[in-house]
Amino acid sequence: MVAELLRRLRRLPDQLLHAARRRAARGALAARLPLRSVLVVCNGNIFRSPFAAAVLRRVLGQGGVTVESAGLIGPGRPSPADAVAAAARRGIDLRGHRSQLLMPDLVRAVDVILVMDTAQRRIICERFGRPPQDVLLLGDFDPAPIESRAIKDPWEQGPDVCEVVYGRIEDCMGSFARTLRSAAMR
């Protein structure tokens, strides 16, 4: 009971600040237009970032924006069966995906980097020298009230968690794409 209360208290700032952070993220994105390239990053580049990148490519269509994904660890790994199956149910094929390691040239080459949590943002800013306004949290684009800014890592969590995570990623990427379109029309 005490542990649950502490967990809820730790999440309270994310919940209370979500609207303001969402406005800030949308403003930061609009300031980078015209956007030519987006890099989506997670820890291993086997669950979240390859799915998010594929969703963004699908949502943007032939919009002229290059979308890639990478991870902080372990290049050359395939997406796990849970990821492949959950993605397939949502019309995304991850069968041929192999993880790509985040490298300095890739970080320098893109306009915007989307990450899954604040630790990844900090690592990219500190290790690769990107300013914080270039590294946005995908969860800040969530159009719904949130429990956490972070997009949960489904690693070893089972197919149900993967389904929930992929649903949230789709919602966030839809909001990201709408922000791009509305900012471009101004």
C-alpha atoms as a PDB file:
ATOM      1  CA  MET A   1       0.000   0.000   0.000  1.00  0.00           C
ATOM      2  CA  VAL A   2       2.804   2.442   0.893  1.00  0.00           C
ATOM      3  CA  ALA A   3       4.761   1.406  -2.207  1.00  0.00           C
ATOM      4  CA  GLU A   4       1.739   2.112  -4.413  1.00  0.00           C
ATOM      5  CA  LEU A   5       1.269   5.533  -2.817  1.00  0.00           C
ATOM      6  CA  LEU A   6       4.925   6.388  -3.400  1.00  0.00           C
ATOM      7  CA  ARG A   7       4.682   5.255  -7.030  1.00  0.00           C
ATOM      8  CA  ARG A   8       1.657   7.489  -7.569  1.00  0.00           C
ATOM      9  CA  LEU A   9       3.378  10.450  -5.929  1.00  0.00           C
ATOM     10  CA  ARG A  10       6.442  10.024  -8.165  1.00  0.00           C
ATOM     11  CA  ARG A  11       4.198  10.124 -11.245  1.00  0.00           C
ATOM     12  CA  LEU A  12       2.235  13.189 -10.121  1.00  0.00           C
ATOM     13  CA  PRO A  13       4.570  15.800 -11.697  1.00  0.00           C
ATOM     14  CA  ASP A  14       4.317  14.061 -15.079  1.00  0.00           C
ATOM     15  CA  GLN A  15       0.538  14.098 -14.858  1.00  0.00           C
ATOM     16  CA  LEU A  16       0.280  17.704 -13.701  1.00  0.00           C
ATOM     17  CA  LEU A  17       2.817  19.096 -16.159  1.00  0.00           C
ATOM     18  CA  HIS A  18       1.709  17.113 -19.218  1.00  0.00           C
ATOM     19  CA  ALA A  19      -0.298  19.894 -20.885  1.00  0.00           C
ATOM     20  CA  ALA A  20       2.547  22.386 -20.511  1.00  0.00           C
ATOM     21  CA  ARG A  21       5.163  19.881 -21.681  1.00  0.00           C
ATOM     22  CA  ARG A  22       2.981  18.957 -24.632  1.00  0.00           C
ATOM     23  CA  ARG A  23       2.732  22.615 -25.678  1.00  0.00           C
ATOM     24  CA  ALA A  24       6.500  23.003 -25.269  1.00  0.00           C
ATOM     25  CA  ALA A  25       7.227  19.882 -27.342  1.00  0.00           C
ATOM     26  CA  ARG A  26       4.870  21.024 -30.087  1.00  0.00           C
ATOM     27  CA  GLY A  27       6.514  24.450 -30.078  1.00  0.00           C
ATOM     28  CA  ALA A  28      10.012  22.944 -30.225  1.00  0.00           C
ATOM     29  CA  LEU A  29       8.964  20.799 -33.165  1.00  0.00           C
ATOM     30  CA  ALA A  30       7.390  23.737 -34.999  1.00  0.00           C
ATOM     31  CA  ALA A  31      10.616  25.731 -34.525  1.00  0.00           C
ATOM     32  CA  ARG A  32      12.547  23.092 -36.493  1.00  0.00           C
ATOM     33  CA  LEU A  33      10.502  23.306 -39.669  1.00  0.00           C
ATOM     34  CA  PRO A  34      11.008  22.497 -42.417  1.00  0.00           C
ATOM     35  CA  LEU A  35      11.801  19.072 -41.061  1.00  0.00           C
ATOM     36  CA  ARG A  36      13.871  16.785 -43.268  1.00  0.00           C
ATOM     37  CA  SER A  37      14.771  13.982 -40.881  1.00  0.00           C
ATOM     38  CA  VAL A  38      13.703  12.336 -37.620  1.00  0.00           C
ATOM     39  CA  LEU A  39      15.567   9.767 -35.562  1.00  0.00           C
ATOM     40  CA  VAL A  40      13.663   7.636 -33.047  1.00  0.00           C
ATOM     41  CA  VAL A  41      15.780   6.216 -30.225  1.00  0.00           C
ATOM     42  CA  CYS A  42      15.206   3.666 -27.458  1.00  0.00           C
ATOM     43  CA  ASN A  43      17.515   1.439 -25.444  1.00  0.00           C
ATOM     44  CA  GLY A  44      17.878  -1.604 -27.686  1.00  0.00           C
ATOM     45  CA  ASN A  45      16.199  -0.606 -30.954  1.00  0.00           C
ATOM     46  CA  ILE A  46      14.230  -3.857 -31.044  1.00  0.00           C
ATOM     47  CA  PHE A  47      10.779  -2.930 -29.632  1.00  0.00           C
ATOM     48  CA  ARG A  48       9.820   0.721 -29.357  1.00  0.00           C
ATOM     49  CA  SER A  49      11.962   2.754 -31.738  1.00  0.00           C
ATOM     50  CA  PRO A  50      11.643   0.531 -34.839  1.00  0.00           C
ATOM     51  CA  PHE A  51       7.882   0.364 -34.355  1.00  0.00           C
ATOM     52  CA  ALA A  52       7.626   4.125 -33.741  1.00  0.00           C
ATOM     53  CA  ALA A  53       9.730   4.889 -36.818  1.00  0.00           C
ATOM     54  CA  ALA A  54       7.573   2.593 -38.979  1.00  0.00           C
ATOM     55  CA  VAL A  55       4.388   4.217 -37.646  1.00  0.00           C
ATOM     56  CA  LEU A  56       5.751   7.694 -38.379  1.00  0.00           C
ATOM     57  CA  ARG A  57       6.746   6.684 -41.921  1.00  0.00           C
ATOM     58  CA  ARG A  58       3.239   5.330 -42.470  1.00  0.00           C
ATOM     59  CA  VAL A  59       1.536   8.415 -41.019  1.00  0.00           C
ATOM     60  CA  LEU A  60       3.695  10.876 -42.966  1.00  0.00           C
ATOM     61  CA  GLY A  61       3.505   8.953 -46.232  1.00  0.00           C
ATOM     62  CA  GLN A  62       5.563  10.479 -48.996  1.00  0.00           C
ATOM     63  CA  GLY A  63       6.060  13.719 -47.066  1.00  0.00           C
ATOM     64  CA  GLY A  64       9.774  13.965 -47.782  1.00  0.00           C
ATOM     65  CA  VAL A  65      10.829  13.352 -44.163  1.00  0.00           C
ATOM     66  CA  THR A  66      13.437  10.642 -43.612  1.00  0.00           C
ATOM     67  CA  VAL A  67      12.710   8.553 -40.512  1.00  0.00           C
ATOM     68  CA  GLU A  68      15.281   6.231 -38.910  1.00  0.00           C
ATOM     69  CA  SER A  69      15.626   4.400 -35.618  1.00  0.00           C
ATOM     70  CA  ALA A  70      18.563   3.426 -33.423  1.00  0.00           C
ATOM     71  CA  GLY A  71      19.381   2.228 -29.935  1.00  0.00           C
ATOM     72  CA  LEU A  72      21.912   2.753 -27.204  1.00  0.00           C
ATOM     73  CA  ILE A  73      22.990  -0.921 -27.045  1.00  0.00           C
ATOM     74  CA  GLY A  74      23.407  -4.103 -29.061  1.00  0.00           C
ATOM     75  CA  PRO A  75      23.545  -3.654 -32.860  1.00  0.00           C
ATOM     76  CA  GLY A  76      22.364  -6.347 -35.259  1.00  0.00           C
ATOM     77  CA  ARG A  77      19.648  -7.923 -33.105  1.00  0.00           C
ATOM     78  CA  PRO A  78      16.204  -8.857 -34.470  1.00  0.00           C
ATOM     79  CA  SER A  79      12.962  -7.725 -32.882  1.00  0.00           C
ATOM     80  CA  PRO A  80      11.589 -10.338 -30.439  1.00  0.00           C
ATOM     81  CA  ALA A  81       8.581 -12.455 -31.376  1.00  0.00           C
ATOM     82  CA  ASP A  82       6.246 -10.410 -29.107  1.00  0.00           C
ATOM     83  CA  ALA A  83       7.274  -7.219 -30.891  1.00  0.00           C
ATOM     84  CA  VAL A  84       6.902  -8.729 -34.357  1.00  0.00           C
ATOM     85  CA  ALA A  85       3.450 -10.164 -33.561  1.00  0.00           C
ATOM     86  CA  ALA A  86       2.121  -6.994 -31.892  1.00  0.00           C
ATOM     87  CA  ALA A  87       3.423  -4.840 -34.734  1.00  0.00           C
ATOM     88  CA  ALA A  88       1.896  -7.153 -37.357  1.00  0.00           C
ATOM     89  CA  ARG A  89      -1.517  -6.797 -35.712  1.00  0.00           C
ATOM     90  CA  ARG A  90      -1.136  -3.056 -36.272  1.00  0.00           C
ATOM     91  CA  GLY A  91      -0.033  -3.388 -39.899  1.00  0.00           C
ATOM     92  CA  ILE A  92       3.718  -2.961 -39.298  1.00  0.00           C
ATOM     93  CA  ASP A  93       6.244  -5.594 -40.394  1.00  0.00           C
ATOM     94  CA  LEU A  94       9.275  -5.828 -38.073  1.00  0.00           C
ATOM     95  CA  ARG A  95      10.404  -9.278 -39.284  1.00  0.00           C
ATOM     96  CA  GLY A  96      13.387  -7.922 -41.206  1.00  0.00           C
ATOM     97  CA  HIS A  97      14.417  -5.336 -38.635  1.00  0.00           C
ATOM     98  CA  ARG A  98      17.907  -5.482 -37.110  1.00  0.00           C
ATOM     99  CA  SER A  99      18.924  -3.086 -34.368  1.00  0.00           C
ATOM    100  CA  GLN A 100      21.180  -0.190 -35.245  1.00  0.00           C
ATOM    101  CA  LEU A 101      23.569   1.324 -32.713  1.00  0.00           C
ATOM    102  CA  LEU A 102      23.295   5.065 -32.143  1.00  0.00           C
ATOM    103  CA  MET A 103      26.421   6.646 -33.602  1.00  0.00           C
ATOM    104  CA  PRO A 104      27.649  10.269 -33.614  1.00  0.00           C
ATOM    105  CA  ASP A 105      27.259  10.724 -37.384  1.00  0.00           C
ATOM    106  CA  LEU A 106      23.621   9.623 -37.200  1.00  0.00           C
ATOM    107  CA  VAL A 107      22.904  11.955 -34.279  1.00  0.00           C
ATOM    108  CA  ARG A 108      24.476  14.899 -36.130  1.00  0.00           C
ATOM    109  CA  ALA A 109      22.666  14.175 -39.402  1.00  0.00           C
ATOM    110  CA  VAL A 110      19.059  14.516 -38.188  1.00  0.00           C
ATOM    111  CA  ASP A 111      16.865  17.511 -37.426  1.00  0.00           C
ATOM    112  CA  VAL A 112      14.924  16.034 -34.489  1.00  0.00           C
ATOM    113  CA  ILE A 113      15.491  13.070 -32.200  1.00  0.00           C
ATOM    114  CA  LEU A 114      12.561  11.398 -30.437  1.00  0.00           C
ATOM    115  CA  VAL A 115      13.323   9.388 -27.290  1.00  0.00           C
ATOM    116  CA  MET A 116      11.288   7.209 -24.963  1.00  0.00           C
ATOM    117  CA  ASP A 117      12.417   8.613 -21.601  1.00  0.00           C
ATOM    118  CA  THR A 118      14.365  11.398 -19.919  1.00  0.00           C
ATOM    119  CA  ALA A 119      17.439   9.219 -19.318  1.00  0.00           C
ATOM    120  CA  GLN A 120      17.819   8.664 -23.073  1.00  0.00           C
ATOM    121  CA  ARG A 121      17.448  12.389 -23.661  1.00  0.00           C
ATOM    122  CA  ARG A 122      20.147  13.159 -21.115  1.00  0.00           C
ATOM    123  CA  ILE A 123      22.502  10.559 -22.636  1.00  0.00           C
ATOM    124  CA  ILE A 124      22.082  11.970 -26.148  1.00  0.00           C
ATOM    125  CA  CYS A 125      22.608  15.543 -24.989  1.00  0.00           C
ATOM    126  CA  GLU A 126      25.643  14.711 -22.847  1.00  0.00           C
ATOM    127  CA  ARG A 127      27.319  12.041 -24.971  1.00  0.00           C
ATOM    128  CA  PHE A 128      26.577  13.428 -28.412  1.00  0.00           C
ATOM    129  CA  GLY A 129      26.314  17.166 -27.705  1.00  0.00           C
ATOM    130  CA  ARG A 130      22.812  17.729 -29.060  1.00  0.00           C
ATOM    131  CA  PRO A 131      20.949  20.603 -27.415  1.00  0.00           C
ATOM    132  CA  PRO A 132      17.869  19.589 -25.392  1.00  0.00           C
ATOM    133  CA  GLN A 133      15.490  21.379 -27.763  1.00  0.00           C
ATOM    134  CA  ASP A 134      16.547  18.939 -30.528  1.00  0.00           C
ATOM    135  CA  VAL A 135      15.776  15.860 -28.401  1.00  0.00           C
ATOM    136  CA  LEU A 136      12.073  15.456 -27.675  1.00  0.00           C
ATOM    137  CA  LEU A 137      10.238  12.918 -25.523  1.00  0.00           C
ATOM    138  CA  LEU A 138       7.705  11.000 -27.574  1.00  0.00           C
ATOM    139  CA  GLY A 139       5.432  10.738 -24.523  1.00  0.00           C
ATOM    140  CA  ASP A 140       5.129  14.529 -24.441  1.00  0.00           C
ATOM    141  CA  PHE A 141       3.091  14.289 -27.657  1.00  0.00           C
ATOM    142  CA  ASP A 142       0.525  11.950 -26.076  1.00  0.00           C
ATOM    143  CA  PRO A 143      -2.911  13.490 -26.716  1.00  0.00           C
ATOM    144  CA  ALA A 144      -4.419  11.727 -23.672  1.00  0.00           C
ATOM    145  CA  PRO A 145      -3.796  12.300 -19.974  1.00  0.00           C
ATOM    146  CA  ILE A 146      -0.688  10.379 -18.959  1.00  0.00           C
ATOM    147  CA  GLU A 147       0.612   8.432 -16.021  1.00  0.00           C
ATOM    148  CA  SER A 148       4.236   8.888 -17.112  1.00  0.00           C
ATOM    149  CA  ARG A 149       6.168  10.788 -19.760  1.00  0.00           C
ATOM    150  CA  ALA A 150       8.176   7.658 -20.471  1.00  0.00           C
ATOM    151  CA  ILE A 151       7.062   5.145 -23.044  1.00  0.00           C
ATOM    152  CA  LYS A 152       7.312   1.889 -21.102  1.00  0.00           C
ATOM    153  CA  ASP A 153       9.896  -0.633 -22.259  1.00  0.00           C
ATOM    154  CA  PRO A 154       8.102  -3.912 -23.080  1.00  0.00           C
ATOM    155  CA  TRP A 155      11.331  -5.951 -22.814  1.00  0.00           C
ATOM    156  CA  GLU A 156      10.427  -9.284 -21.177  1.00  0.00           C
ATOM    157  CA  GLN A 157       6.996  -7.941 -20.174  1.00  0.00           C
ATOM    158  CA  GLY A 158       4.909 -10.171 -22.439  1.00  0.00           C
ATOM    159  CA  PRO A 159       2.595  -9.542 -25.381  1.00  0.00           C
ATOM    160  CA  ASP A 160      -0.086  -7.635 -23.452  1.00  0.00           C
ATOM    161  CA  VAL A 161       2.373  -4.937 -22.386  1.00  0.00           C
ATOM    162  CA  CYS A 162       3.706  -4.760 -25.935  1.00  0.00           C
ATOM    163  CA  GLU A 163       0.160  -4.172 -27.231  1.00  0.00           C
ATOM    164  CA  VAL A 164      -0.420  -1.328 -24.748  1.00  0.00           C
ATOM    165  CA  VAL A 165       2.947   0.267 -25.512  1.00  0.00           C
ATOM    166  CA  TYR A 166       2.375   0.078 -29.265  1.00  0.00           C
ATOM    167  CA  GLY A 167      -1.057   1.656 -28.869  1.00  0.00           C
ATOM    168  CA  ARG A 168       0.459   4.575 -26.979  1.00  0.00           C
ATOM    169  CA  ILE A 169       3.232   4.953 -29.554  1.00  0.00           C
ATOM    170  CA  GLU A 170       0.624   5.135 -32.333  1.00  0.00           C
ATOM    171  CA  ASP A 171      -1.281   7.836 -30.438  1.00  0.00           C
ATOM    172  CA  CYS A 172       1.879   9.848 -29.805  1.00  0.00           C
ATOM    173  CA  MET A 173       3.095   9.547 -33.405  1.00  0.00           C
ATOM    174  CA  GLY A 174      -0.309  10.600 -34.691  1.00  0.00           C
ATOM    175  CA  SER A 175      -0.108  13.715 -32.523  1.00  0.00           C
ATOM    176  CA  PHE A 176       3.490  14.325 -33.662  1.00  0.00           C
ATOM    177  CA  ALA A 177       2.428  14.132 -37.323  1.00  0.00           C
ATOM    178  CA  ARG A 178      -0.568  16.434 -36.745  1.00  0.00           C
ATOM    179  CA  THR A 179       1.747  18.951 -35.105  1.00  0.00           C
ATOM    180  CA  LEU A 180       4.048  18.795 -38.134  1.00  0.00           C
ATOM    181  CA  ARG A 181       1.165  19.323 -40.534  1.00  0.00           C
ATOM    182  CA  SER A 182      -0.443  22.184 -38.644  1.00  0.00           C
ATOM    183  CA  ALA A 183       2.880  23.974 -38.096  1.00  0.00           C
ATOM    184  CA  ALA A 184       3.779  23.576 -41.778  1.00  0.00           C
ATOM    185  CA  MET A 185       0.489  25.201 -42.822  1.00  0.00           C
ATOM    186  CA  ARG A 186       1.250  28.397 -40.900  1.00  0.00           C
END
